[in-house]
Amino acid sequence: MGKIKMGGNSTMEFEPDYYEFHITVSVISGASGNAVSKGRTRTEEILRQLRDKLGIDINTVILKDEKTNALYNRKDGYRFEKQFYFCYKASNLITENIVSILEKMSDVEYKVEFKLENEPEKEQLVLSSAVNNAKEKAEQLATALGSNINGFEEIKYKFSENSNNDIDLCDIFCAFADEGVSESLASDLKNPKIKISKAVEIIWLTD
């Protein structure tokens, strides 16, 4: 009986299943109360526009953070900041229409995050591919030595701590109205790819 130590790796690309659209309202004023008042007014304006023009169900918008801080590098300055986000099926058309609303407003920032449905299942698929890659290379080497792989002794693999938990997307999708949504060239861009990579190191047993 012998041993073959062999590493394997695999990388796969997946199209996102849904987008998370994050909005930050940030208002600076000399008085804290004024910053809060202006920030709350801006937030209401944004939410009203998203509801009335795109048909977003406001009940699906999730509050992430809200705070008012003193700006020590500015005399008597305060910043009000409110962050919230919502999710929808991956669609550049929807994204472009959201941006078309926000671009007409001040004191607002945004970013889009691309997410996978059932990410643990996709990671398992890539991991299985990495193991098979290691096994195929070990089998090639074993055959060259006149042996066969008949099991394994040890496997080294570092689990990712950043994987998303599986979630029910139907509970978080915003309800968008289909009518009145304008198209643009940017909305025809291809969706981005989400890359998942896995690597393993296995000690295989040979006869």
N, C-alpha and C. Protein backbone atom coordinates (compact mmCIF):
# COMPACT_ATOMS: atom_id res chain seq x y z
N MET A 1 0.85 -1.20 0.00
CA MET A 1 0.00 0.00 0.00
C MET A 1 0.88 1.24 0.00
N GLY A 2 0.47 2.24 -0.81
CA GLY A 2 1.20 3.48 -0.88
C GLY A 2 0.29 4.68 -0.66
N LYS A 3 0.88 5.85 -0.74
CA LYS A 3 0.12 7.08 -0.56
C LYS A 3 0.52 8.10 -1.61
N ILE A 4 -0.44 8.87 -2.05
CA ILE A 4 -0.20 9.96 -2.99
C ILE A 4 -0.86 11.22 -2.43
N LYS A 5 -0.06 12.25 -2.23
CA LYS A 5 -0.60 13.53 -1.76
C LYS A 5 -0.86 14.42 -2.97
N MET A 6 -2.10 14.85 -3.13
CA MET A 6 -2.46 15.59 -4.33
C MET A 6 -3.46 16.71 -4.00
N GLY A 7 -3.21 17.89 -4.55
CA GLY A 7 -4.14 19.01 -4.40
C GLY A 7 -5.09 19.09 -5.57
N GLY A 8 -6.25 19.63 -5.32
CA GLY A 8 -7.24 19.82 -6.38
C GLY A 8 -7.91 21.17 -6.21
N ASN A 9 -8.33 21.76 -7.30
CA ASN A 9 -9.02 23.05 -7.22
C ASN A 9 -10.06 23.16 -8.32
N SER A 10 -10.99 24.05 -8.11
CA SER A 10 -12.05 24.26 -9.09
C SER A 10 -12.58 25.68 -8.93
N THR A 11 -12.90 26.30 -10.05
CA THR A 11 -13.51 27.63 -10.07
C THR A 11 -14.69 27.61 -11.02
N MET A 12 -15.83 28.07 -10.56
CA MET A 12 -17.03 28.15 -11.39
C MET A 12 -17.61 29.55 -11.30
N GLU A 13 -18.28 29.95 -12.37
CA GLU A 13 -18.95 31.25 -12.40
C GLU A 13 -20.46 31.05 -12.47
N PHE A 14 -21.17 31.87 -11.71
CA PHE A 14 -22.63 31.80 -11.67
C PHE A 14 -23.20 33.20 -11.89
N GLU A 15 -24.33 33.26 -12.58
CA GLU A 15 -25.04 34.52 -12.69
C GLU A 15 -25.81 34.77 -11.40
N PRO A 16 -25.84 36.02 -10.92
CA PRO A 16 -26.58 36.30 -9.69
C PRO A 16 -28.07 36.02 -9.87
N ASP A 17 -28.69 35.57 -8.80
CA ASP A 17 -30.13 35.33 -8.82
C ASP A 17 -30.90 36.58 -8.43
N TYR A 18 -30.29 37.42 -7.60
CA TYR A 18 -30.97 38.64 -7.20
C TYR A 18 -29.95 39.72 -6.83
N TYR A 19 -30.44 40.95 -6.82
CA TYR A 19 -29.61 42.10 -6.46
C TYR A 19 -30.07 42.66 -5.12
N GLU A 20 -29.10 43.16 -4.34
CA GLU A 20 -29.41 43.96 -3.17
C GLU A 20 -29.03 45.40 -3.49
N PHE A 21 -30.01 46.29 -3.43
CA PHE A 21 -29.77 47.70 -3.73
C PHE A 21 -29.71 48.47 -2.42
N HIS A 22 -28.52 49.00 -2.08
CA HIS A 22 -28.31 49.70 -0.82
C HIS A 22 -28.32 51.21 -1.06
N ILE A 23 -29.09 51.91 -0.26
CA ILE A 23 -29.20 53.37 -0.36
C ILE A 23 -28.77 53.99 0.97
N THR A 24 -27.94 55.02 0.88
CA THR A 24 -27.51 55.76 2.06
C THR A 24 -27.89 57.23 1.89
N VAL A 25 -28.69 57.74 2.82
CA VAL A 25 -29.01 59.17 2.86
C VAL A 25 -28.05 59.82 3.84
N SER A 26 -27.32 60.81 3.39
CA SER A 26 -26.31 61.47 4.23
C SER A 26 -26.46 62.98 4.11
N VAL A 27 -26.81 63.62 5.23
CA VAL A 27 -27.06 65.07 5.24
C VAL A 27 -26.18 65.72 6.29
N ILE A 28 -25.49 66.81 5.93
CA ILE A 28 -24.65 67.55 6.85
C ILE A 28 -25.27 68.92 7.12
N SER A 29 -25.30 69.30 8.38
CA SER A 29 -25.85 70.60 8.75
C SER A 29 -25.15 71.09 10.01
N GLY A 30 -25.26 72.39 10.26
CA GLY A 30 -24.62 72.96 11.42
C GLY A 30 -25.27 72.56 12.72
N ALA A 31 -26.56 72.25 12.69
CA ALA A 31 -27.30 71.83 13.88
C ALA A 31 -27.75 70.39 13.71
N SER A 32 -27.64 69.63 14.78
CA SER A 32 -28.00 68.21 14.69
C SER A 32 -29.47 68.02 14.33
N GLY A 33 -30.34 68.83 14.93
CA GLY A 33 -31.76 68.71 14.64
C GLY A 33 -32.07 69.00 13.18
N ASN A 34 -31.38 69.98 12.62
CA ASN A 34 -31.60 70.33 11.22
C ASN A 34 -31.12 69.22 10.31
N ALA A 35 -29.98 68.59 10.67
CA ALA A 35 -29.47 67.47 9.88
C ALA A 35 -30.46 66.31 9.89
N VAL A 36 -31.01 66.03 11.08
CA VAL A 36 -31.99 64.95 11.19
C VAL A 36 -33.24 65.26 10.39
N SER A 37 -33.73 66.49 10.50
CA SER A 37 -34.95 66.87 9.79
C SER A 37 -34.79 66.77 8.28
N LYS A 38 -33.66 67.29 7.77
CA LYS A 38 -33.41 67.22 6.33
C LYS A 38 -33.23 65.77 5.87
N GLY A 39 -32.54 64.98 6.70
CA GLY A 39 -32.32 63.58 6.33
C GLY A 39 -33.61 62.79 6.30
N ARG A 40 -34.47 63.00 7.26
CA ARG A 40 -35.75 62.30 7.29
C ARG A 40 -36.63 62.71 6.11
N THR A 41 -36.59 63.99 5.78
CA THR A 41 -37.37 64.47 4.63
C THR A 41 -36.87 63.84 3.34
N ARG A 42 -35.54 63.79 3.18
CA ARG A 42 -34.97 63.18 1.97
C ARG A 42 -35.32 61.70 1.89
N THR A 43 -35.27 61.00 3.02
CA THR A 43 -35.61 59.58 3.04
C THR A 43 -37.04 59.35 2.60
N GLU A 44 -37.95 60.16 3.13
CA GLU A 44 -39.36 60.03 2.75
C GLU A 44 -39.56 60.28 1.26
N GLU A 45 -38.84 61.27 0.73
CA GLU A 45 -38.95 61.58 -0.69
C GLU A 45 -38.49 60.42 -1.55
N ILE A 46 -37.38 59.81 -1.17
CA ILE A 46 -36.86 58.67 -1.94
C ILE A 46 -37.82 57.50 -1.90
N LEU A 47 -38.28 57.16 -0.71
CA LEU A 47 -39.20 56.02 -0.58
C LEU A 47 -40.50 56.27 -1.34
N ARG A 48 -40.99 57.49 -1.29
CA ARG A 48 -42.23 57.80 -2.01
C ARG A 48 -42.04 57.67 -3.51
N GLN A 49 -40.91 58.13 -4.01
CA GLN A 49 -40.63 58.03 -5.45
C GLN A 49 -40.51 56.57 -5.88
N LEU A 50 -39.81 55.77 -5.08
CA LEU A 50 -39.65 54.36 -5.41
C LEU A 50 -41.00 53.63 -5.39
N ARG A 51 -41.84 53.99 -4.45
CA ARG A 51 -43.16 53.37 -4.37
C ARG A 51 -44.06 53.81 -5.52
N ASP A 52 -44.12 55.12 -5.76
CA ASP A 52 -45.08 55.65 -6.73
C ASP A 52 -44.66 55.41 -8.17
N LYS A 53 -43.36 55.49 -8.45
CA LYS A 53 -42.89 55.38 -9.83
C LYS A 53 -42.52 53.96 -10.24
N LEU A 54 -42.08 53.15 -9.28
CA LEU A 54 -41.66 51.79 -9.61
C LEU A 54 -42.50 50.72 -8.95
N GLY A 55 -43.39 51.11 -8.08
CA GLY A 55 -44.27 50.14 -7.46
C GLY A 55 -43.60 49.29 -6.41
N ILE A 56 -42.56 49.80 -5.77
CA ILE A 56 -41.89 49.03 -4.73
C ILE A 56 -42.79 48.90 -3.51
N ASP A 57 -42.86 47.71 -2.98
CA ASP A 57 -43.57 47.48 -1.73
C ASP A 57 -42.65 47.93 -0.59
N ILE A 58 -42.98 49.04 0.05
CA ILE A 58 -42.11 49.61 1.08
C ILE A 58 -41.93 48.65 2.25
N ASN A 59 -42.87 47.75 2.45
CA ASN A 59 -42.74 46.78 3.54
C ASN A 59 -41.59 45.81 3.34
N THR A 60 -41.05 45.77 2.12
CA THR A 60 -39.92 44.88 1.85
C THR A 60 -38.58 45.61 1.92
N VAL A 61 -38.62 46.91 2.19
CA VAL A 61 -37.39 47.68 2.36
C VAL A 61 -36.88 47.48 3.78
N ILE A 62 -35.59 47.17 3.91
CA ILE A 62 -35.02 46.80 5.21
C ILE A 62 -34.11 47.92 5.71
N LEU A 63 -34.36 48.41 6.92
CA LEU A 63 -33.51 49.42 7.54
C LEU A 63 -32.23 48.77 8.03
N LYS A 64 -31.10 49.33 7.62
CA LYS A 64 -29.81 48.77 8.00
C LYS A 64 -29.16 49.55 9.13
N ASP A 65 -29.22 50.89 9.08
CA ASP A 65 -28.56 51.68 10.11
C ASP A 65 -29.08 53.11 10.06
N GLU A 66 -29.06 53.79 11.21
CA GLU A 66 -29.42 55.20 11.28
C GLU A 66 -28.64 55.83 12.43
N LYS A 67 -28.02 57.00 12.18
CA LYS A 67 -27.23 57.64 13.21
C LYS A 67 -27.00 59.11 12.87
N THR A 68 -26.68 59.88 13.90
CA THR A 68 -26.28 61.28 13.75
C THR A 68 -25.00 61.48 14.53
N ASN A 69 -23.96 61.96 13.87
CA ASN A 69 -22.65 62.12 14.50
C ASN A 69 -22.15 63.56 14.34
N ALA A 70 -21.41 64.00 15.34
CA ALA A 70 -20.74 65.30 15.24
C ALA A 70 -19.52 65.17 14.35
N LEU A 71 -19.27 66.19 13.53
CA LEU A 71 -18.11 66.23 12.65
C LEU A 71 -17.04 67.08 13.31
N TYR A 72 -16.05 66.43 13.87
CA TYR A 72 -15.05 67.16 14.65
C TYR A 72 -14.08 67.94 13.78
N ASN A 73 -14.05 67.64 12.50
CA ASN A 73 -13.17 68.40 11.62
C ASN A 73 -13.88 69.61 11.01
N ARG A 74 -15.14 69.81 11.41
CA ARG A 74 -15.90 70.95 10.94
C ARG A 74 -16.58 71.62 12.14
N LYS A 75 -16.51 72.91 12.24
CA LYS A 75 -17.06 73.62 13.39
C LYS A 75 -18.58 73.49 13.41
N ASP A 76 -19.09 72.98 14.52
CA ASP A 76 -20.54 72.85 14.73
C ASP A 76 -21.22 72.08 13.60
N GLY A 77 -20.56 71.08 13.09
CA GLY A 77 -21.15 70.29 12.01
C GLY A 77 -21.65 68.94 12.49
N TYR A 78 -22.77 68.49 11.89
CA TYR A 78 -23.35 67.20 12.23
C TYR A 78 -23.76 66.48 10.94
N ARG A 79 -23.62 65.16 10.96
CA ARG A 79 -24.04 64.36 9.81
C ARG A 79 -25.13 63.38 10.24
N PHE A 80 -26.24 63.44 9.55
CA PHE A 80 -27.30 62.43 9.69
C PHE A 80 -27.11 61.40 8.59
N GLU A 81 -27.16 60.13 8.97
CA GLU A 81 -26.98 59.06 7.98
C GLU A 81 -28.01 57.96 8.22
N LYS A 82 -28.67 57.57 7.16
CA LYS A 82 -29.65 56.49 7.22
C LYS A 82 -29.41 55.55 6.06
N GLN A 83 -29.31 54.25 6.35
CA GLN A 83 -29.03 53.25 5.33
C GLN A 83 -30.17 52.23 5.30
N PHE A 84 -30.60 51.91 4.09
CA PHE A 84 -31.62 50.87 3.93
C PHE A 84 -31.40 50.18 2.59
N TYR A 85 -31.99 49.02 2.44
CA TYR A 85 -31.81 48.27 1.20
C TYR A 85 -33.03 47.41 0.91
N PHE A 86 -33.10 46.95 -0.33
CA PHE A 86 -34.17 46.05 -0.75
C PHE A 86 -33.63 45.13 -1.83
N CYS A 87 -34.35 44.06 -2.10
CA CYS A 87 -33.87 43.03 -3.02
C CYS A 87 -34.87 42.83 -4.16
N TYR A 88 -34.34 42.41 -5.29
CA TYR A 88 -35.19 42.09 -6.44
C TYR A 88 -34.45 41.11 -7.33
N LYS A 89 -35.21 40.40 -8.14
CA LYS A 89 -34.59 39.45 -9.06
C LYS A 89 -33.60 40.19 -9.96
N ALA A 90 -32.50 39.53 -10.24
CA ALA A 90 -31.42 40.16 -11.00
C ALA A 90 -31.95 40.78 -12.29
N SER A 91 -31.87 42.09 -12.36
CA SER A 91 -32.40 42.80 -13.53
C SER A 91 -31.70 44.14 -13.65
N ASN A 92 -30.93 44.33 -14.72
CA ASN A 92 -30.29 45.61 -14.96
C ASN A 92 -31.30 46.69 -15.33
N LEU A 93 -32.43 46.27 -15.89
CA LEU A 93 -33.48 47.22 -16.24
C LEU A 93 -34.04 47.88 -14.98
N ILE A 94 -34.32 47.07 -13.97
CA ILE A 94 -34.83 47.62 -12.71
C ILE A 94 -33.79 48.53 -12.07
N THR A 95 -32.54 48.10 -12.08
CA THR A 95 -31.47 48.90 -11.49
C THR A 95 -31.36 50.26 -12.15
N GLU A 96 -31.40 50.29 -13.48
CA GLU A 96 -31.29 51.56 -14.19
C GLU A 96 -32.44 52.49 -13.85
N ASN A 97 -33.62 51.95 -13.65
CA ASN A 97 -34.77 52.80 -13.33
C ASN A 97 -34.70 53.31 -11.89
N ILE A 98 -34.12 52.53 -10.99
CA ILE A 98 -33.92 53.03 -9.64
C ILE A 98 -32.92 54.18 -9.66
N VAL A 99 -31.83 53.99 -10.39
CA VAL A 99 -30.79 55.02 -10.47
C VAL A 99 -31.34 56.30 -11.10
N SER A 100 -32.24 56.15 -12.08
CA SER A 100 -32.81 57.33 -12.74
C SER A 100 -33.59 58.19 -11.76
N ILE A 101 -34.11 57.59 -10.71
CA ILE A 101 -34.80 58.34 -9.66
C ILE A 101 -33.80 59.00 -8.73
N LEU A 102 -32.79 58.24 -8.33
CA LEU A 102 -31.82 58.76 -7.36
C LEU A 102 -30.94 59.86 -7.94
N GLU A 103 -30.70 59.82 -9.25
CA GLU A 103 -29.79 60.80 -9.84
C GLU A 103 -30.35 62.22 -9.79
N LYS A 104 -31.64 62.35 -9.58
CA LYS A 104 -32.27 63.66 -9.49
C LYS A 104 -32.26 64.21 -8.08
N MET A 105 -31.67 63.46 -7.14
CA MET A 105 -31.68 63.86 -5.74
C MET A 105 -30.26 64.08 -5.23
N SER A 106 -30.15 64.95 -4.26
CA SER A 106 -28.87 65.16 -3.58
C SER A 106 -28.86 64.41 -2.26
N ASP A 107 -27.71 64.38 -1.62
CA ASP A 107 -27.55 63.77 -0.29
C ASP A 107 -27.86 62.28 -0.30
N VAL A 108 -27.57 61.60 -1.39
CA VAL A 108 -27.86 60.17 -1.46
C VAL A 108 -26.74 59.43 -2.17
N GLU A 109 -26.38 58.28 -1.63
CA GLU A 109 -25.41 57.38 -2.25
C GLU A 109 -26.05 56.01 -2.38
N TYR A 110 -25.50 55.19 -3.28
CA TYR A 110 -26.06 53.85 -3.45
C TYR A 110 -24.98 52.89 -3.91
N LYS A 111 -25.26 51.62 -3.72
CA LYS A 111 -24.42 50.56 -4.27
C LYS A 111 -25.29 49.33 -4.49
N VAL A 112 -24.87 48.49 -5.43
CA VAL A 112 -25.60 47.27 -5.76
C VAL A 112 -24.71 46.07 -5.45
N GLU A 113 -25.25 45.13 -4.71
CA GLU A 113 -24.54 43.89 -4.41
C GLU A 113 -25.24 42.74 -5.12
N PHE A 114 -24.45 41.82 -5.65
CA PHE A 114 -24.97 40.72 -6.44
C PHE A 114 -24.96 39.45 -5.60
N LYS A 115 -26.10 38.77 -5.54
CA LYS A 115 -26.26 37.65 -4.62
C LYS A 115 -26.72 36.39 -5.33
N LEU A 116 -26.41 35.26 -4.70
CA LEU A 116 -26.81 33.95 -5.22
C LEU A 116 -27.89 33.33 -4.35
N GLU A 117 -28.82 32.68 -4.99
CA GLU A 117 -29.79 31.87 -4.27
C GLU A 117 -29.16 30.51 -4.00
N ASN A 118 -29.43 29.94 -2.82
CA ASN A 118 -28.88 28.63 -2.46
C ASN A 118 -27.37 28.58 -2.64
N GLU A 119 -26.69 29.59 -2.13
CA GLU A 119 -25.23 29.65 -2.28
C GLU A 119 -24.53 28.42 -1.70
N PRO A 120 -24.97 27.87 -0.54
CA PRO A 120 -24.30 26.67 -0.02
C PRO A 120 -24.33 25.50 -1.02
N GLU A 121 -25.42 25.36 -1.76
CA GLU A 121 -25.50 24.29 -2.75
C GLU A 121 -24.49 24.52 -3.87
N LYS A 122 -24.33 25.76 -4.29
CA LYS A 122 -23.38 26.08 -5.36
C LYS A 122 -21.94 25.86 -4.86
N GLU A 123 -21.68 26.22 -3.59
CA GLU A 123 -20.35 25.99 -3.04
C GLU A 123 -20.05 24.49 -2.96
N GLN A 124 -21.07 23.70 -2.63
CA GLN A 124 -20.88 22.25 -2.57
C GLN A 124 -20.56 21.69 -3.94
N LEU A 125 -21.20 22.23 -4.96
CA LEU A 125 -20.92 21.80 -6.34
C LEU A 125 -19.47 22.06 -6.72
N VAL A 126 -18.97 23.25 -6.36
CA VAL A 126 -17.59 23.60 -6.67
C VAL A 126 -16.63 22.75 -5.86
N LEU A 127 -16.96 22.50 -4.60
CA LEU A 127 -16.10 21.68 -3.74
C LEU A 127 -15.99 20.26 -4.28
N SER A 128 -17.12 19.69 -4.71
CA SER A 128 -17.10 18.35 -5.29
C SER A 128 -16.22 18.31 -6.53
N SER A 129 -16.27 19.38 -7.32
CA SER A 129 -15.45 19.46 -8.51
C SER A 129 -13.96 19.52 -8.14
N ALA A 130 -13.62 20.23 -7.06
CA ALA A 130 -12.22 20.31 -6.62
C ALA A 130 -11.72 18.95 -6.15
N VAL A 131 -12.57 18.21 -5.42
CA VAL A 131 -12.20 16.86 -4.97
C VAL A 131 -11.98 15.94 -6.16
N ASN A 132 -12.88 16.02 -7.15
CA ASN A 132 -12.73 15.18 -8.35
C ASN A 132 -11.46 15.54 -9.11
N ASN A 133 -11.12 16.82 -9.11
CA ASN A 133 -9.89 17.25 -9.77
C ASN A 133 -8.67 16.63 -9.11
N ALA A 134 -8.68 16.61 -7.78
CA ALA A 134 -7.57 16.00 -7.05
C ALA A 134 -7.50 14.50 -7.31
N LYS A 135 -8.66 13.87 -7.35
CA LYS A 135 -8.70 12.42 -7.56
C LYS A 135 -8.23 12.04 -8.96
N GLU A 136 -8.66 12.82 -9.96
CA GLU A 136 -8.25 12.53 -11.34
C GLU A 136 -6.73 12.60 -11.49
N LYS A 137 -6.12 13.62 -10.89
CA LYS A 137 -4.67 13.76 -10.99
C LYS A 137 -3.95 12.66 -10.23
N ALA A 138 -4.52 12.28 -9.07
CA ALA A 138 -3.91 11.20 -8.30
C ALA A 138 -4.03 9.88 -9.05
N GLU A 139 -5.16 9.65 -9.71
CA GLU A 139 -5.35 8.41 -10.47
C GLU A 139 -4.38 8.34 -11.64
N GLN A 140 -4.13 9.46 -12.29
CA GLN A 140 -3.17 9.48 -13.39
C GLN A 140 -1.78 9.10 -12.90
N LEU A 141 -1.41 9.65 -11.77
CA LEU A 141 -0.09 9.33 -11.22
C LEU A 141 -0.03 7.89 -10.74
N ALA A 142 -1.11 7.41 -10.12
CA ALA A 142 -1.14 6.02 -9.66
C ALA A 142 -1.03 5.06 -10.82
N THR A 143 -1.72 5.35 -11.91
CA THR A 143 -1.67 4.48 -13.09
C THR A 143 -0.25 4.43 -13.65
N ALA A 144 0.42 5.57 -13.66
CA ALA A 144 1.80 5.61 -14.15
C ALA A 144 2.72 4.76 -13.28
N LEU A 145 2.34 4.60 -12.01
CA LEU A 145 3.13 3.79 -11.09
C LEU A 145 2.65 2.34 -11.01
N GLY A 146 1.63 2.03 -11.82
CA GLY A 146 1.10 0.67 -11.82
C GLY A 146 0.22 0.36 -10.62
N SER A 147 -0.40 1.38 -10.02
CA SER A 147 -1.26 1.19 -8.86
C SER A 147 -2.65 1.75 -9.13
N ASN A 148 -3.51 1.59 -8.15
CA ASN A 148 -4.88 2.12 -8.23
C ASN A 148 -5.22 2.84 -6.93
N ILE A 149 -6.05 3.85 -7.05
CA ILE A 149 -6.56 4.56 -5.88
C ILE A 149 -7.66 3.71 -5.25
N ASN A 150 -7.56 3.45 -3.94
CA ASN A 150 -8.60 2.65 -3.28
C ASN A 150 -9.17 3.34 -2.03
N GLY A 151 -8.90 4.62 -1.87
CA GLY A 151 -9.45 5.36 -0.73
C GLY A 151 -8.59 6.57 -0.42
N PHE A 152 -8.89 7.20 0.69
CA PHE A 152 -8.08 8.35 1.09
C PHE A 152 -7.86 8.31 2.60
N GLU A 153 -6.79 8.94 3.01
CA GLU A 153 -6.43 8.95 4.42
C GLU A 153 -6.75 10.28 5.10
N GLU A 154 -6.54 11.36 4.38
CA GLU A 154 -6.71 12.68 4.99
C GLU A 154 -7.07 13.69 3.92
N ILE A 155 -7.90 14.66 4.30
CA ILE A 155 -8.25 15.76 3.40
C ILE A 155 -8.14 17.07 4.16
N LYS A 156 -7.51 18.05 3.55
CA LYS A 156 -7.38 19.37 4.14
C LYS A 156 -8.20 20.36 3.32
N TYR A 157 -9.06 21.10 4.03
CA TYR A 157 -9.92 22.06 3.37
C TYR A 157 -10.30 23.14 4.36
N LYS A 158 -10.21 24.39 3.95
CA LYS A 158 -10.55 25.52 4.81
C LYS A 158 -11.95 26.00 4.46
N PHE A 159 -12.86 25.88 5.41
CA PHE A 159 -14.24 26.29 5.18
C PHE A 159 -14.33 27.82 5.15
N SER A 160 -15.18 28.32 4.26
CA SER A 160 -15.40 29.76 4.17
C SER A 160 -16.41 30.18 5.23
N GLU A 161 -16.12 31.31 5.88
CA GLU A 161 -17.04 31.83 6.89
C GLU A 161 -17.91 32.95 6.35
N ASN A 162 -17.79 33.23 5.06
CA ASN A 162 -18.51 34.36 4.49
C ASN A 162 -19.70 33.95 3.64
N SER A 163 -20.01 32.67 3.63
CA SER A 163 -21.10 32.20 2.79
C SER A 163 -22.44 32.69 3.33
N ASN A 164 -23.34 33.03 2.42
CA ASN A 164 -24.68 33.45 2.82
C ASN A 164 -25.49 32.25 3.24
N ASN A 165 -26.32 32.44 4.25
CA ASN A 165 -27.26 31.39 4.60
C ASN A 165 -28.33 31.29 3.54
N ASP A 166 -28.86 30.10 3.36
CA ASP A 166 -29.93 29.92 2.41
C ASP A 166 -31.15 30.69 2.87
N ILE A 167 -31.76 31.46 2.00
CA ILE A 167 -32.91 32.27 2.38
C ILE A 167 -34.03 32.08 1.39
N ASP A 168 -35.22 32.39 1.82
CA ASP A 168 -36.38 32.32 0.95
C ASP A 168 -36.52 33.66 0.24
N LEU A 169 -36.12 33.68 -1.04
CA LEU A 169 -36.09 34.94 -1.76
C LEU A 169 -37.48 35.51 -1.97
N CYS A 170 -38.49 34.66 -1.98
CA CYS A 170 -39.85 35.16 -2.20
C CYS A 170 -40.28 36.10 -1.09
N ASP A 171 -39.67 35.99 0.08
CA ASP A 171 -40.05 36.83 1.21
C ASP A 171 -39.37 38.18 1.19
N ILE A 172 -38.33 38.35 0.36
CA ILE A 172 -37.60 39.61 0.40
C ILE A 172 -37.66 40.38 -0.91
N PHE A 173 -38.20 39.80 -1.97
CA PHE A 173 -38.27 40.51 -3.23
C PHE A 173 -39.26 41.67 -3.15
N CYS A 174 -38.87 42.80 -3.68
CA CYS A 174 -39.80 43.90 -3.81
C CYS A 174 -40.77 43.62 -4.95
N ALA A 175 -41.97 44.10 -4.80
CA ALA A 175 -42.97 43.95 -5.85
C ALA A 175 -42.88 45.16 -6.77
N PHE A 176 -42.35 44.96 -7.97
CA PHE A 176 -42.22 46.05 -8.92
C PHE A 176 -43.36 46.00 -9.93
N ALA A 177 -43.85 47.17 -10.26
CA ALA A 177 -44.85 47.25 -11.32
C ALA A 177 -44.15 47.09 -12.67
N ASP A 178 -44.74 46.31 -13.57
CA ASP A 178 -44.13 46.08 -14.88
C ASP A 178 -44.39 47.23 -15.84
N GLU A 179 -45.49 47.92 -15.66
CA GLU A 179 -45.85 48.98 -16.58
C GLU A 179 -45.08 50.25 -16.26
N GLY A 180 -44.75 50.98 -17.29
CA GLY A 180 -44.10 52.27 -17.11
C GLY A 180 -42.62 52.19 -16.80
N VAL A 181 -42.03 51.02 -16.92
CA VAL A 181 -40.59 50.88 -16.68
C VAL A 181 -39.86 51.09 -18.00
N SER A 182 -39.08 52.16 -18.09
CA SER A 182 -38.42 52.50 -19.34
C SER A 182 -37.15 51.69 -19.53
N GLU A 183 -36.78 51.47 -20.78
CA GLU A 183 -35.57 50.72 -21.10
C GLU A 183 -34.45 51.68 -21.48
N SER A 184 -33.22 51.19 -21.39
CA SER A 184 -32.05 51.96 -21.78
C SER A 184 -31.01 50.99 -22.30
N LEU A 185 -29.96 51.52 -22.93
CA LEU A 185 -28.89 50.66 -23.42
C LEU A 185 -28.20 49.97 -22.26
N ALA A 186 -28.02 50.69 -21.16
CA ALA A 186 -27.35 50.10 -19.99
C ALA A 186 -28.15 48.93 -19.42
N SER A 187 -29.46 48.97 -19.59
CA SER A 187 -30.28 47.88 -19.05
C SER A 187 -30.09 46.59 -19.83
N ASP A 188 -29.48 46.69 -21.04
CA ASP A 188 -29.23 45.50 -21.85
C ASP A 188 -27.86 44.87 -21.58
N LEU A 189 -27.10 45.46 -20.66
CA LEU A 189 -25.81 44.87 -20.32
C LEU A 189 -26.00 43.49 -19.71
N LYS A 190 -25.03 42.61 -19.92
CA LYS A 190 -25.10 41.28 -19.33
C LYS A 190 -24.93 41.36 -17.82
N ASN A 191 -25.57 40.44 -17.13
CA ASN A 191 -25.42 40.38 -15.69
C ASN A 191 -23.97 40.02 -15.34
N PRO A 192 -23.48 40.50 -14.21
CA PRO A 192 -22.13 40.13 -13.79
C PRO A 192 -22.07 38.66 -13.40
N LYS A 193 -20.87 38.15 -13.28
CA LYS A 193 -20.67 36.76 -12.85
C LYS A 193 -20.13 36.75 -11.42
N ILE A 194 -20.60 35.80 -10.66
CA ILE A 194 -20.09 35.60 -9.30
C ILE A 194 -19.21 34.36 -9.34
N LYS A 195 -17.95 34.54 -8.97
CA LYS A 195 -16.97 33.45 -9.06
C LYS A 195 -16.81 32.79 -7.70
N ILE A 196 -16.86 31.46 -7.70
CA ILE A 196 -16.63 30.68 -6.48
C ILE A 196 -15.46 29.74 -6.75
N SER A 197 -14.47 29.78 -5.86
CA SER A 197 -13.28 28.93 -6.00
C SER A 197 -13.11 28.08 -4.75
N LYS A 198 -12.68 26.83 -4.94
CA LYS A 198 -12.42 25.92 -3.84
C LYS A 198 -11.12 25.18 -4.11
N ALA A 199 -10.39 24.89 -3.03
CA ALA A 199 -9.14 24.14 -3.14
C ALA A 199 -9.06 23.12 -1.99
N VAL A 200 -8.57 21.93 -2.32
CA VAL A 200 -8.43 20.87 -1.32
C VAL A 200 -7.06 20.22 -1.46
N GLU A 201 -6.64 19.54 -0.42
CA GLU A 201 -5.42 18.74 -0.46
C GLU A 201 -5.73 17.40 0.18
N ILE A 202 -5.51 16.33 -0.56
CA ILE A 202 -5.95 14.99 -0.13
C ILE A 202 -4.79 14.01 -0.20
N ILE A 203 -4.69 13.17 0.83
CA ILE A 203 -3.75 12.05 0.81
C ILE A 203 -4.53 10.81 0.39
N TRP A 204 -4.23 10.32 -0.82
CA TRP A 204 -4.93 9.16 -1.36
C TRP A 204 -4.16 7.87 -1.04
N LEU A 205 -4.90 6.81 -0.87
CA LEU A 205 -4.30 5.50 -0.61
C LEU A 205 -4.31 4.69 -1.91
N THR A 206 -3.21 3.99 -2.14
CA THR A 206 -3.09 3.14 -3.33
C THR A 206 -2.85 1.70 -2.92
N ASP A 207 -3.21 0.77 -3.81
CA ASP A 207 -2.96 -0.67 -3.51
C ASP A 207 -1.61 -1.09 -4.03
